[in-house]
Amino acid sequence: MITALTPTGARPEAFAACVAQMAAQTVTARWVIVDDGPEPMPTPQIPGWEILHLRPEPCWQPGQNTLARNILHGLPYCSGRVAVIEDDDAYADWWLEACDHRLDLADLVGESHSLYINRLTGARRDMGNDRHASLCSTALRGRAIEALAECCRTGATGIDLRLWRHFGFAKRLWRPEPRGVTGIKSWPGRPGIGVGHHL
């Protein structure tokens, strides 16, 4: 069974959309939610899923970047295969199943050519990344999980770039049509930090 790992907090509308997308997945999964918002999100209920809702301390404050900390907090509760699911992105209903199958081929898998859409303006941006996947469209197993932890320990930004560029295990990128993941920007609440958020 694949584990979905979601760092979140202080973004209830985005998280509610994420819950709906996870409930629509074509496979049953384990979901580790690391929620450091000042007020906890409701714990999702998805039949057949094992859901662990963690509350690290101290909670997130405006201006802070706790992405790496939250991932590190959740990783010990993950096992086997892990897909990073960010709450402010859109996932096709087949995404977790596709990641699980792709992880039969490599320790690190993901979708290239990240697409970001601003939900308010409709502006779109294809990042053109053909050598790495964004963190939100990355799945891992084995040594790649250890490498993700190392990347998180060494900084909060550029985790995806370090993970894809600096480790010598088997990696596989693919570019599905239609896309499996789309970055949805301009959700109210806590802002994101990646390049795609400047859309």
N, C-alpha and C. Protein backbone atom coordinates (compact mmCIF):
# COMPACT_ATOMS: atom_id res chain seq x y z
N MET A 1 0.84 -1.18 0.00
CA MET A 1 0.00 0.00 0.00
C MET A 1 0.88 1.25 0.00
N ILE A 2 0.59 2.18 -0.88
CA ILE A 2 1.36 3.42 -0.94
C ILE A 2 0.89 4.37 0.15
N THR A 3 1.81 5.18 0.66
CA THR A 3 1.49 6.20 1.66
C THR A 3 1.52 7.56 1.01
N ALA A 4 0.47 8.34 1.20
CA ALA A 4 0.45 9.74 0.80
C ALA A 4 0.93 10.56 1.99
N LEU A 5 1.87 11.47 1.74
CA LEU A 5 2.41 12.33 2.80
C LEU A 5 2.08 13.77 2.47
N THR A 6 1.30 14.43 3.33
CA THR A 6 0.85 15.79 3.06
C THR A 6 1.26 16.73 4.18
N PRO A 7 2.21 17.65 3.91
CA PRO A 7 2.49 18.73 4.85
C PRO A 7 1.47 19.84 4.62
N THR A 8 0.84 20.31 5.67
CA THR A 8 -0.23 21.29 5.50
C THR A 8 -0.37 22.16 6.73
N GLY A 9 -1.35 23.03 6.71
CA GLY A 9 -1.67 23.88 7.84
C GLY A 9 -2.13 25.25 7.39
N ALA A 10 -3.17 25.75 8.02
CA ALA A 10 -3.66 27.13 7.80
C ALA A 10 -4.08 27.39 6.35
N ARG A 11 -4.62 26.37 5.69
CA ARG A 11 -5.11 26.54 4.32
C ARG A 11 -6.33 25.64 4.15
N PRO A 12 -7.43 25.93 4.85
CA PRO A 12 -8.55 24.99 4.90
C PRO A 12 -9.23 24.75 3.56
N GLU A 13 -9.36 25.75 2.71
CA GLU A 13 -10.03 25.53 1.42
C GLU A 13 -9.21 24.60 0.53
N ALA A 14 -7.91 24.84 0.48
CA ALA A 14 -7.03 23.98 -0.32
C ALA A 14 -7.05 22.56 0.24
N PHE A 15 -7.00 22.43 1.55
CA PHE A 15 -6.98 21.10 2.16
C PHE A 15 -8.29 20.36 1.88
N ALA A 16 -9.41 21.05 1.93
CA ALA A 16 -10.70 20.40 1.64
C ALA A 16 -10.73 19.88 0.21
N ALA A 17 -10.17 20.63 -0.74
CA ALA A 17 -10.10 20.16 -2.13
C ALA A 17 -9.18 18.95 -2.23
N CYS A 18 -8.09 18.95 -1.47
CA CYS A 18 -7.17 17.81 -1.47
C CYS A 18 -7.86 16.56 -0.94
N VAL A 19 -8.64 16.71 0.11
CA VAL A 19 -9.37 15.57 0.68
C VAL A 19 -10.30 14.96 -0.37
N ALA A 20 -11.01 15.80 -1.11
CA ALA A 20 -11.91 15.30 -2.15
C ALA A 20 -11.15 14.53 -3.21
N GLN A 21 -9.97 15.02 -3.57
CA GLN A 21 -9.17 14.34 -4.59
C GLN A 21 -8.61 13.01 -4.08
N MET A 22 -8.22 12.95 -2.83
CA MET A 22 -7.72 11.69 -2.29
C MET A 22 -8.86 10.68 -2.16
N ALA A 23 -10.04 11.14 -1.80
CA ALA A 23 -11.19 10.24 -1.69
C ALA A 23 -11.57 9.64 -3.04
N ALA A 24 -11.19 10.30 -4.13
CA ALA A 24 -11.53 9.83 -5.47
C ALA A 24 -10.45 8.92 -6.07
N GLN A 25 -9.35 8.67 -5.36
CA GLN A 25 -8.27 7.87 -5.91
C GLN A 25 -8.73 6.44 -6.21
N THR A 26 -8.12 5.84 -7.21
CA THR A 26 -8.51 4.50 -7.66
C THR A 26 -7.91 3.39 -6.81
N VAL A 27 -7.05 3.75 -5.85
CA VAL A 27 -6.49 2.76 -4.93
C VAL A 27 -6.72 3.21 -3.49
N THR A 28 -6.69 2.26 -2.59
CA THR A 28 -6.71 2.55 -1.16
C THR A 28 -5.29 2.87 -0.72
N ALA A 29 -5.15 3.86 0.15
CA ALA A 29 -3.82 4.27 0.58
C ALA A 29 -3.80 4.55 2.06
N ARG A 30 -2.60 4.74 2.56
CA ARG A 30 -2.38 5.26 3.92
C ARG A 30 -2.08 6.73 3.74
N TRP A 31 -2.59 7.57 4.62
CA TRP A 31 -2.38 9.01 4.47
C TRP A 31 -1.82 9.58 5.77
N VAL A 32 -0.61 10.13 5.68
CA VAL A 32 0.03 10.79 6.80
C VAL A 32 -0.07 12.29 6.56
N ILE A 33 -0.84 12.97 7.39
CA ILE A 33 -1.07 14.41 7.28
C ILE A 33 -0.32 15.09 8.41
N VAL A 34 0.56 16.01 8.07
CA VAL A 34 1.32 16.77 9.07
C VAL A 34 0.79 18.20 9.03
N ASP A 35 0.00 18.55 10.01
CA ASP A 35 -0.78 19.79 10.03
C ASP A 35 -0.27 20.68 11.16
N ASP A 36 0.48 21.75 10.80
CA ASP A 36 1.02 22.62 11.85
C ASP A 36 0.33 23.98 11.90
N GLY A 37 -0.87 24.07 11.33
CA GLY A 37 -1.61 25.32 11.41
C GLY A 37 -2.04 25.62 12.83
N PRO A 38 -2.26 26.90 13.15
CA PRO A 38 -2.71 27.25 14.51
C PRO A 38 -4.00 26.55 14.91
N GLU A 39 -4.90 26.36 13.95
CA GLU A 39 -6.14 25.61 14.20
C GLU A 39 -6.09 24.33 13.37
N PRO A 40 -6.30 23.16 13.96
CA PRO A 40 -6.20 21.92 13.20
C PRO A 40 -7.29 21.79 12.14
N MET A 41 -6.92 21.21 11.02
CA MET A 41 -7.91 20.87 9.99
C MET A 41 -8.72 19.67 10.49
N PRO A 42 -9.94 19.50 9.98
CA PRO A 42 -10.68 18.27 10.33
C PRO A 42 -9.95 17.04 9.78
N THR A 43 -9.91 15.99 10.56
CA THR A 43 -9.29 14.75 10.08
C THR A 43 -10.20 14.09 9.06
N PRO A 44 -9.70 13.85 7.84
CA PRO A 44 -10.54 13.24 6.80
C PRO A 44 -10.98 11.83 7.18
N GLN A 45 -12.10 11.43 6.62
CA GLN A 45 -12.61 10.07 6.76
C GLN A 45 -12.82 9.52 5.36
N ILE A 46 -11.98 8.56 4.96
CA ILE A 46 -12.08 7.93 3.64
C ILE A 46 -12.18 6.43 3.87
N PRO A 47 -13.28 5.80 3.49
CA PRO A 47 -13.45 4.36 3.74
C PRO A 47 -12.27 3.55 3.20
N GLY A 48 -11.75 2.67 4.05
CA GLY A 48 -10.67 1.79 3.66
C GLY A 48 -9.28 2.38 3.84
N TRP A 49 -9.19 3.67 4.07
CA TRP A 49 -7.89 4.32 4.24
C TRP A 49 -7.51 4.36 5.71
N GLU A 50 -6.22 4.22 5.96
CA GLU A 50 -5.66 4.47 7.29
C GLU A 50 -5.14 5.90 7.27
N ILE A 51 -5.66 6.77 8.13
CA ILE A 51 -5.30 8.18 8.12
C ILE A 51 -4.71 8.57 9.48
N LEU A 52 -3.51 9.12 9.42
CA LEU A 52 -2.81 9.56 10.62
C LEU A 52 -2.65 11.07 10.52
N HIS A 53 -3.23 11.80 11.46
CA HIS A 53 -3.22 13.27 11.45
C HIS A 53 -2.29 13.73 12.57
N LEU A 54 -1.11 14.23 12.20
CA LEU A 54 -0.09 14.63 13.16
C LEU A 54 -0.11 16.15 13.36
N ARG A 55 0.17 16.57 14.58
CA ARG A 55 0.18 18.00 14.93
C ARG A 55 1.53 18.37 15.56
N PRO A 56 2.52 18.73 14.73
CA PRO A 56 3.81 19.10 15.30
C PRO A 56 3.74 20.46 16.00
N GLU A 57 4.68 20.69 16.90
CA GLU A 57 4.77 21.97 17.60
C GLU A 57 6.18 22.51 17.46
N PRO A 58 6.36 23.82 17.46
CA PRO A 58 5.32 24.84 17.53
C PRO A 58 4.56 24.95 16.21
N CYS A 59 3.40 25.59 16.26
CA CYS A 59 2.61 25.71 15.04
C CYS A 59 3.23 26.76 14.12
N TRP A 60 2.83 26.68 12.87
CA TRP A 60 3.28 27.63 11.86
C TRP A 60 2.81 29.04 12.18
N GLN A 61 3.66 30.02 11.91
CA GLN A 61 3.32 31.43 12.04
C GLN A 61 3.57 32.11 10.70
N PRO A 62 2.78 33.14 10.35
CA PRO A 62 3.00 33.84 9.08
C PRO A 62 4.46 34.26 8.92
N GLY A 63 4.97 34.03 7.71
CA GLY A 63 6.37 34.35 7.42
C GLY A 63 7.31 33.18 7.58
N GLN A 64 6.85 32.12 8.23
CA GLN A 64 7.70 30.94 8.42
C GLN A 64 7.55 29.98 7.25
N ASN A 65 8.59 29.17 7.06
CA ASN A 65 8.55 28.09 6.08
C ASN A 65 8.81 26.80 6.83
N THR A 66 7.78 26.00 7.03
CA THR A 66 7.92 24.77 7.81
C THR A 66 7.76 23.51 6.94
N LEU A 67 7.84 23.67 5.62
CA LEU A 67 7.66 22.52 4.73
C LEU A 67 8.63 21.40 5.06
N ALA A 68 9.92 21.71 5.12
CA ALA A 68 10.92 20.67 5.37
C ALA A 68 10.70 20.04 6.74
N ARG A 69 10.42 20.85 7.74
CA ARG A 69 10.18 20.32 9.09
C ARG A 69 9.00 19.37 9.10
N ASN A 70 7.93 19.74 8.40
CA ASN A 70 6.74 18.90 8.40
C ASN A 70 6.97 17.58 7.67
N ILE A 71 7.71 17.63 6.58
CA ILE A 71 8.03 16.38 5.88
C ILE A 71 8.86 15.48 6.80
N LEU A 72 9.88 16.06 7.43
CA LEU A 72 10.71 15.27 8.36
C LEU A 72 9.88 14.69 9.49
N HIS A 73 8.91 15.45 9.97
CA HIS A 73 8.05 14.96 11.06
C HIS A 73 7.21 13.77 10.61
N GLY A 74 6.76 13.79 9.34
CA GLY A 74 5.90 12.73 8.86
C GLY A 74 6.60 11.49 8.36
N LEU A 75 7.85 11.62 7.89
CA LEU A 75 8.53 10.47 7.27
C LEU A 75 8.66 9.24 8.18
N PRO A 76 8.91 9.37 9.48
CA PRO A 76 9.00 8.16 10.30
C PRO A 76 7.70 7.35 10.35
N TYR A 77 6.59 7.96 9.99
CA TYR A 77 5.29 7.27 10.00
C TYR A 77 4.96 6.67 8.63
N CYS A 78 5.86 6.87 7.67
CA CYS A 78 5.67 6.33 6.32
C CYS A 78 6.52 5.08 6.16
N SER A 79 6.07 4.18 5.33
CA SER A 79 6.85 2.98 5.08
C SER A 79 6.65 2.53 3.64
N GLY A 80 7.63 1.85 3.12
CA GLY A 80 7.51 1.28 1.79
C GLY A 80 7.59 2.32 0.70
N ARG A 81 6.45 2.75 0.22
CA ARG A 81 6.35 3.68 -0.90
C ARG A 81 5.61 4.94 -0.46
N VAL A 82 6.13 6.08 -0.86
CA VAL A 82 5.58 7.36 -0.41
C VAL A 82 5.37 8.28 -1.61
N ALA A 83 4.19 8.89 -1.69
CA ALA A 83 3.91 9.94 -2.67
C ALA A 83 3.68 11.23 -1.91
N VAL A 84 4.43 12.27 -2.28
CA VAL A 84 4.23 13.58 -1.65
C VAL A 84 3.00 14.22 -2.28
N ILE A 85 2.02 14.50 -1.45
CA ILE A 85 0.76 15.12 -1.90
C ILE A 85 0.66 16.49 -1.24
N GLU A 86 0.79 17.53 -2.03
CA GLU A 86 0.68 18.88 -1.48
C GLU A 86 -0.78 19.33 -1.58
N ASP A 87 -1.26 19.98 -0.53
CA ASP A 87 -2.69 20.26 -0.46
C ASP A 87 -3.16 21.34 -1.42
N ASP A 88 -2.23 22.10 -2.00
CA ASP A 88 -2.66 23.17 -2.91
C ASP A 88 -2.49 22.79 -4.37
N ASP A 89 -2.46 21.51 -4.67
CA ASP A 89 -2.31 21.04 -6.05
C ASP A 89 -3.47 20.11 -6.41
N ALA A 90 -3.68 19.92 -7.70
CA ALA A 90 -4.77 19.07 -8.18
C ALA A 90 -4.21 17.74 -8.67
N TYR A 91 -4.81 16.64 -8.24
CA TYR A 91 -4.34 15.30 -8.56
C TYR A 91 -5.42 14.52 -9.31
N ALA A 92 -5.02 13.89 -10.41
CA ALA A 92 -5.93 13.00 -11.13
C ALA A 92 -6.28 11.82 -10.24
N ASP A 93 -7.44 11.22 -10.49
CA ASP A 93 -7.88 10.12 -9.62
C ASP A 93 -7.01 8.88 -9.74
N TRP A 94 -6.20 8.80 -10.80
CA TRP A 94 -5.31 7.65 -10.99
C TRP A 94 -3.89 7.90 -10.48
N TRP A 95 -3.64 9.06 -9.87
CA TRP A 95 -2.27 9.46 -9.55
C TRP A 95 -1.56 8.48 -8.60
N LEU A 96 -2.16 8.14 -7.48
CA LEU A 96 -1.50 7.25 -6.54
C LEU A 96 -1.27 5.86 -7.13
N GLU A 97 -2.22 5.38 -7.89
CA GLU A 97 -2.04 4.07 -8.52
C GLU A 97 -0.89 4.10 -9.51
N ALA A 98 -0.79 5.18 -10.30
CA ALA A 98 0.31 5.30 -11.26
C ALA A 98 1.65 5.38 -10.55
N CYS A 99 1.72 6.12 -9.46
CA CYS A 99 2.97 6.22 -8.70
C CYS A 99 3.37 4.85 -8.16
N ASP A 100 2.41 4.12 -7.63
CA ASP A 100 2.70 2.80 -7.08
C ASP A 100 3.28 1.88 -8.16
N HIS A 101 2.70 1.89 -9.35
CA HIS A 101 3.22 1.05 -10.44
C HIS A 101 4.60 1.52 -10.89
N ARG A 102 4.80 2.82 -11.00
CA ARG A 102 6.10 3.36 -11.44
C ARG A 102 7.20 3.03 -10.44
N LEU A 103 6.86 2.96 -9.18
CA LEU A 103 7.87 2.64 -8.17
C LEU A 103 8.35 1.20 -8.26
N ASP A 104 7.72 0.38 -9.09
CA ASP A 104 8.27 -0.95 -9.38
C ASP A 104 9.54 -0.83 -10.21
N LEU A 105 9.73 0.32 -10.88
CA LEU A 105 10.83 0.50 -11.84
C LEU A 105 11.99 1.32 -11.30
N ALA A 106 11.77 2.12 -10.26
CA ALA A 106 12.82 3.02 -9.78
C ALA A 106 12.51 3.45 -8.36
N ASP A 107 13.55 3.97 -7.68
CA ASP A 107 13.38 4.46 -6.31
C ASP A 107 12.76 5.84 -6.25
N LEU A 108 12.89 6.61 -7.34
CA LEU A 108 12.38 7.98 -7.39
C LEU A 108 11.66 8.16 -8.72
N VAL A 109 10.39 8.52 -8.67
CA VAL A 109 9.61 8.71 -9.89
C VAL A 109 8.83 10.01 -9.79
N GLY A 110 8.51 10.57 -10.96
CA GLY A 110 7.74 11.80 -10.93
C GLY A 110 7.36 12.28 -12.32
N GLU A 111 6.52 13.29 -12.33
CA GLU A 111 6.01 13.86 -13.58
C GLU A 111 6.82 15.10 -13.94
N SER A 112 7.30 15.14 -15.17
CA SER A 112 8.07 16.29 -15.64
C SER A 112 7.13 17.37 -16.18
N HIS A 113 7.71 18.50 -16.60
CA HIS A 113 6.97 19.61 -17.20
C HIS A 113 5.81 20.05 -16.31
N SER A 114 6.16 20.47 -15.11
CA SER A 114 5.15 20.90 -14.13
C SER A 114 4.30 22.04 -14.69
N LEU A 115 3.01 21.91 -14.50
CA LEU A 115 2.06 22.93 -14.94
C LEU A 115 1.46 23.60 -13.72
N TYR A 116 1.47 24.94 -13.74
CA TYR A 116 0.86 25.72 -12.68
C TYR A 116 -0.25 26.58 -13.26
N ILE A 117 -1.35 26.69 -12.54
CA ILE A 117 -2.48 27.53 -12.96
C ILE A 117 -2.90 28.39 -11.78
N ASN A 118 -3.07 29.69 -12.04
CA ASN A 118 -3.61 30.60 -11.02
C ASN A 118 -5.12 30.49 -11.06
N ARG A 119 -5.72 30.05 -9.97
CA ARG A 119 -7.16 29.78 -9.95
C ARG A 119 -8.01 31.04 -10.06
N LEU A 120 -7.44 32.21 -9.79
CA LEU A 120 -8.19 33.46 -9.87
C LEU A 120 -8.09 34.12 -11.24
N THR A 121 -6.89 34.10 -11.82
CA THR A 121 -6.66 34.80 -13.09
C THR A 121 -6.69 33.88 -14.30
N GLY A 122 -6.53 32.57 -14.09
CA GLY A 122 -6.45 31.63 -15.20
C GLY A 122 -5.09 31.59 -15.85
N ALA A 123 -4.13 32.38 -15.37
CA ALA A 123 -2.77 32.36 -15.93
C ALA A 123 -2.18 30.97 -15.76
N ARG A 124 -1.43 30.53 -16.79
CA ARG A 124 -0.83 29.19 -16.80
C ARG A 124 0.66 29.29 -17.05
N ARG A 125 1.39 28.33 -16.50
CA ARG A 125 2.83 28.28 -16.74
C ARG A 125 3.31 26.84 -16.74
N ASP A 126 3.90 26.42 -17.85
CA ASP A 126 4.57 25.12 -17.93
C ASP A 126 6.03 25.38 -17.60
N MET A 127 6.53 24.77 -16.54
CA MET A 127 7.89 25.04 -16.08
C MET A 127 8.95 24.47 -17.02
N GLY A 128 8.57 23.54 -17.89
CA GLY A 128 9.53 22.99 -18.83
C GLY A 128 10.59 22.10 -18.20
N ASN A 129 10.40 21.72 -16.95
CA ASN A 129 11.41 20.90 -16.27
C ASN A 129 11.40 19.48 -16.83
N ASP A 130 12.48 19.10 -17.47
CA ASP A 130 12.55 17.76 -18.06
C ASP A 130 13.62 16.89 -17.42
N ARG A 131 14.23 17.38 -16.32
CA ARG A 131 15.24 16.58 -15.62
C ARG A 131 14.89 16.34 -14.16
N HIS A 132 13.80 16.93 -13.73
CA HIS A 132 13.35 16.69 -12.36
C HIS A 132 11.85 16.89 -12.30
N ALA A 133 11.26 16.39 -11.23
CA ALA A 133 9.83 16.61 -10.97
C ALA A 133 9.70 17.57 -9.80
N SER A 134 8.62 18.33 -9.78
CA SER A 134 8.31 19.13 -8.59
C SER A 134 8.02 18.19 -7.43
N LEU A 135 8.21 18.69 -6.23
CA LEU A 135 8.00 17.85 -5.05
C LEU A 135 6.58 17.30 -5.01
N CYS A 136 5.61 18.12 -5.44
CA CYS A 136 4.20 17.71 -5.41
C CYS A 136 3.89 16.57 -6.36
N SER A 137 4.78 16.29 -7.30
CA SER A 137 4.55 15.20 -8.26
C SER A 137 5.68 14.17 -8.19
N THR A 138 6.16 13.93 -6.98
CA THR A 138 7.26 12.99 -6.74
C THR A 138 6.79 11.87 -5.83
N ALA A 139 7.25 10.65 -6.14
CA ALA A 139 7.01 9.49 -5.28
C ALA A 139 8.34 8.76 -5.09
N LEU A 140 8.46 8.09 -3.94
CA LEU A 140 9.76 7.54 -3.56
C LEU A 140 9.62 6.19 -2.87
N ARG A 141 10.74 5.46 -2.86
CA ARG A 141 10.85 4.25 -2.06
C ARG A 141 12.32 4.10 -1.67
N GLY A 142 12.58 3.22 -0.70
CA GLY A 142 13.94 2.84 -0.34
C GLY A 142 14.87 4.01 -0.08
N ARG A 143 16.03 3.99 -0.77
CA ARG A 143 17.06 4.99 -0.53
C ARG A 143 16.59 6.40 -0.85
N ALA A 144 15.62 6.54 -1.73
CA ALA A 144 15.13 7.88 -2.07
C ALA A 144 14.40 8.51 -0.89
N ILE A 145 13.77 7.71 -0.04
CA ILE A 145 13.12 8.26 1.15
C ILE A 145 14.18 8.81 2.10
N GLU A 146 15.28 8.08 2.26
CA GLU A 146 16.38 8.57 3.09
C GLU A 146 16.96 9.86 2.50
N ALA A 147 17.07 9.92 1.18
CA ALA A 147 17.60 11.12 0.53
C ALA A 147 16.66 12.31 0.72
N LEU A 148 15.34 12.08 0.69
CA LEU A 148 14.40 13.16 0.94
C LEU A 148 14.60 13.73 2.34
N ALA A 149 14.78 12.86 3.31
CA ALA A 149 15.02 13.33 4.68
C ALA A 149 16.29 14.17 4.74
N GLU A 150 17.33 13.74 4.06
CA GLU A 150 18.58 14.50 4.05
C GLU A 150 18.38 15.86 3.40
N CYS A 151 17.63 15.92 2.30
CA CYS A 151 17.35 17.20 1.64
C CYS A 151 16.58 18.13 2.56
N CYS A 152 15.62 17.59 3.31
CA CYS A 152 14.84 18.42 4.23
C CYS A 152 15.69 18.93 5.39
N ARG A 153 16.64 18.12 5.83
CA ARG A 153 17.51 18.56 6.93
C ARG A 153 18.45 19.69 6.50
N THR A 154 18.73 19.79 5.20
CA THR A 154 19.70 20.78 4.73
C THR A 154 19.06 22.05 4.19
N GLY A 155 17.74 22.18 4.26
CA GLY A 155 17.12 23.43 3.83
C GLY A 155 15.69 23.25 3.41
N ALA A 156 14.94 24.35 3.47
CA ALA A 156 13.51 24.29 3.20
C ALA A 156 13.16 24.53 1.74
N THR A 157 14.05 25.15 0.98
CA THR A 157 13.75 25.43 -0.43
C THR A 157 14.63 24.57 -1.32
N GLY A 158 14.15 24.33 -2.52
CA GLY A 158 14.91 23.54 -3.48
C GLY A 158 15.02 22.07 -3.13
N ILE A 159 14.11 21.57 -2.31
CA ILE A 159 14.16 20.16 -1.91
C ILE A 159 14.08 19.26 -3.13
N ASP A 160 13.14 19.56 -4.03
CA ASP A 160 12.96 18.71 -5.21
C ASP A 160 14.20 18.71 -6.10
N LEU A 161 14.82 19.87 -6.32
CA LEU A 161 16.02 19.93 -7.16
C LEU A 161 17.16 19.13 -6.57
N ARG A 162 17.39 19.27 -5.27
CA ARG A 162 18.47 18.50 -4.63
C ARG A 162 18.20 17.01 -4.70
N LEU A 163 16.96 16.63 -4.47
CA LEU A 163 16.60 15.21 -4.47
C LEU A 163 16.86 14.58 -5.84
N TRP A 164 16.44 15.25 -6.91
CA TRP A 164 16.57 14.69 -8.25
C TRP A 164 17.98 14.78 -8.81
N ARG A 165 18.78 15.75 -8.36
CA ARG A 165 20.09 15.98 -8.98
C ARG A 165 21.26 15.32 -8.28
N HIS A 166 21.16 15.10 -6.97
CA HIS A 166 22.37 14.79 -6.23
C HIS A 166 22.45 13.39 -5.64
N PHE A 167 21.60 12.50 -6.06
CA PHE A 167 21.64 11.15 -5.51
C PHE A 167 21.68 10.12 -6.62
N GLY A 168 22.45 9.05 -6.40
CA GLY A 168 22.72 8.10 -7.47
C GLY A 168 21.90 6.84 -7.43
N PHE A 169 20.59 6.96 -7.27
CA PHE A 169 19.74 5.77 -7.35
C PHE A 169 18.88 5.87 -8.60
N ALA A 170 18.16 4.80 -8.89
CA ALA A 170 17.35 4.75 -10.12
C ALA A 170 16.22 5.77 -10.06
N LYS A 171 16.10 6.56 -11.13
CA LYS A 171 15.08 7.61 -11.21
C LYS A 171 14.34 7.47 -12.52
N ARG A 172 13.06 7.78 -12.51
CA ARG A 172 12.25 7.73 -13.72
C ARG A 172 11.31 8.93 -13.77
N LEU A 173 11.40 9.70 -14.84
CA LEU A 173 10.45 10.78 -15.10
C LEU A 173 9.49 10.34 -16.18
N TRP A 174 8.28 10.81 -16.12
CA TRP A 174 7.36 10.60 -17.23
C TRP A 174 6.48 11.81 -17.40
N ARG A 175 5.89 11.93 -18.58
CA ARG A 175 5.05 13.08 -18.91
C ARG A 175 3.71 12.57 -19.41
N PRO A 176 2.82 12.24 -18.49
CA PRO A 176 1.54 11.66 -18.91
C PRO A 176 0.63 12.70 -19.56
N GLU A 177 -0.19 12.23 -20.46
CA GLU A 177 -1.25 13.06 -21.04
C GLU A 177 -2.55 12.29 -20.89
N PRO A 178 -3.54 12.81 -20.20
CA PRO A 178 -3.50 14.09 -19.51
C PRO A 178 -2.57 14.06 -18.30
N ARG A 179 -2.30 15.22 -17.77
CA ARG A 179 -1.39 15.34 -16.63
C ARG A 179 -1.99 14.70 -15.38
N GLY A 180 -1.07 14.23 -14.54
CA GLY A 180 -1.50 13.67 -13.28
C GLY A 180 -1.59 14.70 -12.17
N VAL A 181 -0.76 15.76 -12.27
CA VAL A 181 -0.71 16.78 -11.23
C VAL A 181 -0.69 18.16 -11.87
N THR A 182 -1.46 19.07 -11.31
CA THR A 182 -1.44 20.47 -11.72
C THR A 182 -1.35 21.33 -10.47
N GLY A 183 -0.40 22.25 -10.45
CA GLY A 183 -0.26 23.16 -9.33
C GLY A 183 -1.33 24.23 -9.40
N ILE A 184 -2.14 24.33 -8.37
CA ILE A 184 -3.21 25.34 -8.33
C ILE A 184 -2.80 26.43 -7.36
N LYS A 185 -2.59 27.63 -7.89
CA LYS A 185 -2.06 28.73 -7.08
C LYS A 185 -3.15 29.73 -6.74
N SER A 186 -2.89 30.55 -5.74
CA SER A 186 -3.73 31.63 -5.23
C SER A 186 -4.84 31.15 -4.30
N TRP A 187 -4.64 30.01 -3.63
CA TRP A 187 -5.57 29.62 -2.58
C TRP A 187 -5.48 30.62 -1.44
N PRO A 188 -6.59 30.91 -0.78
CA PRO A 188 -6.49 31.79 0.40
C PRO A 188 -5.76 31.08 1.53
N GLY A 189 -5.22 31.87 2.43
CA GLY A 189 -4.51 31.30 3.58
C GLY A 189 -3.02 31.25 3.35
N ARG A 190 -2.40 30.32 3.98
CA ARG A 190 -0.94 30.18 3.97
C ARG A 190 -0.39 30.14 2.55
N PRO A 191 0.59 30.98 2.22
CA PRO A 191 1.13 30.99 0.86
C PRO A 191 2.13 29.85 0.64
N GLY A 192 2.28 29.45 -0.63
CA GLY A 192 3.32 28.49 -0.99
C GLY A 192 4.64 29.19 -1.22
N ILE A 193 5.70 28.42 -1.48
CA ILE A 193 7.04 29.01 -1.59
C ILE A 193 7.71 28.76 -2.92
N GLY A 194 7.20 27.85 -3.75
CA GLY A 194 7.89 27.49 -4.98
C GLY A 194 7.77 28.55 -6.06
N VAL A 195 8.57 28.40 -7.12
CA VAL A 195 8.57 29.34 -8.24
C VAL A 195 7.17 29.47 -8.84
N GLY A 196 6.46 28.37 -8.91
CA GLY A 196 5.14 28.39 -9.51
C GLY A 196 4.15 29.28 -8.77
N HIS A 197 4.44 29.63 -7.54
CA HIS A 197 3.53 30.48 -6.77
C HIS A 197 3.59 31.93 -7.21
N HIS A 198 4.60 32.30 -8.00
CA HIS A 198 4.73 33.68 -8.49
C HIS A 198 4.08 33.80 -9.84
N LEU A 199 2.87 33.31 -9.97
CA LEU A 199 2.14 33.27 -11.24
C LEU A 199 1.06 34.34 -11.23
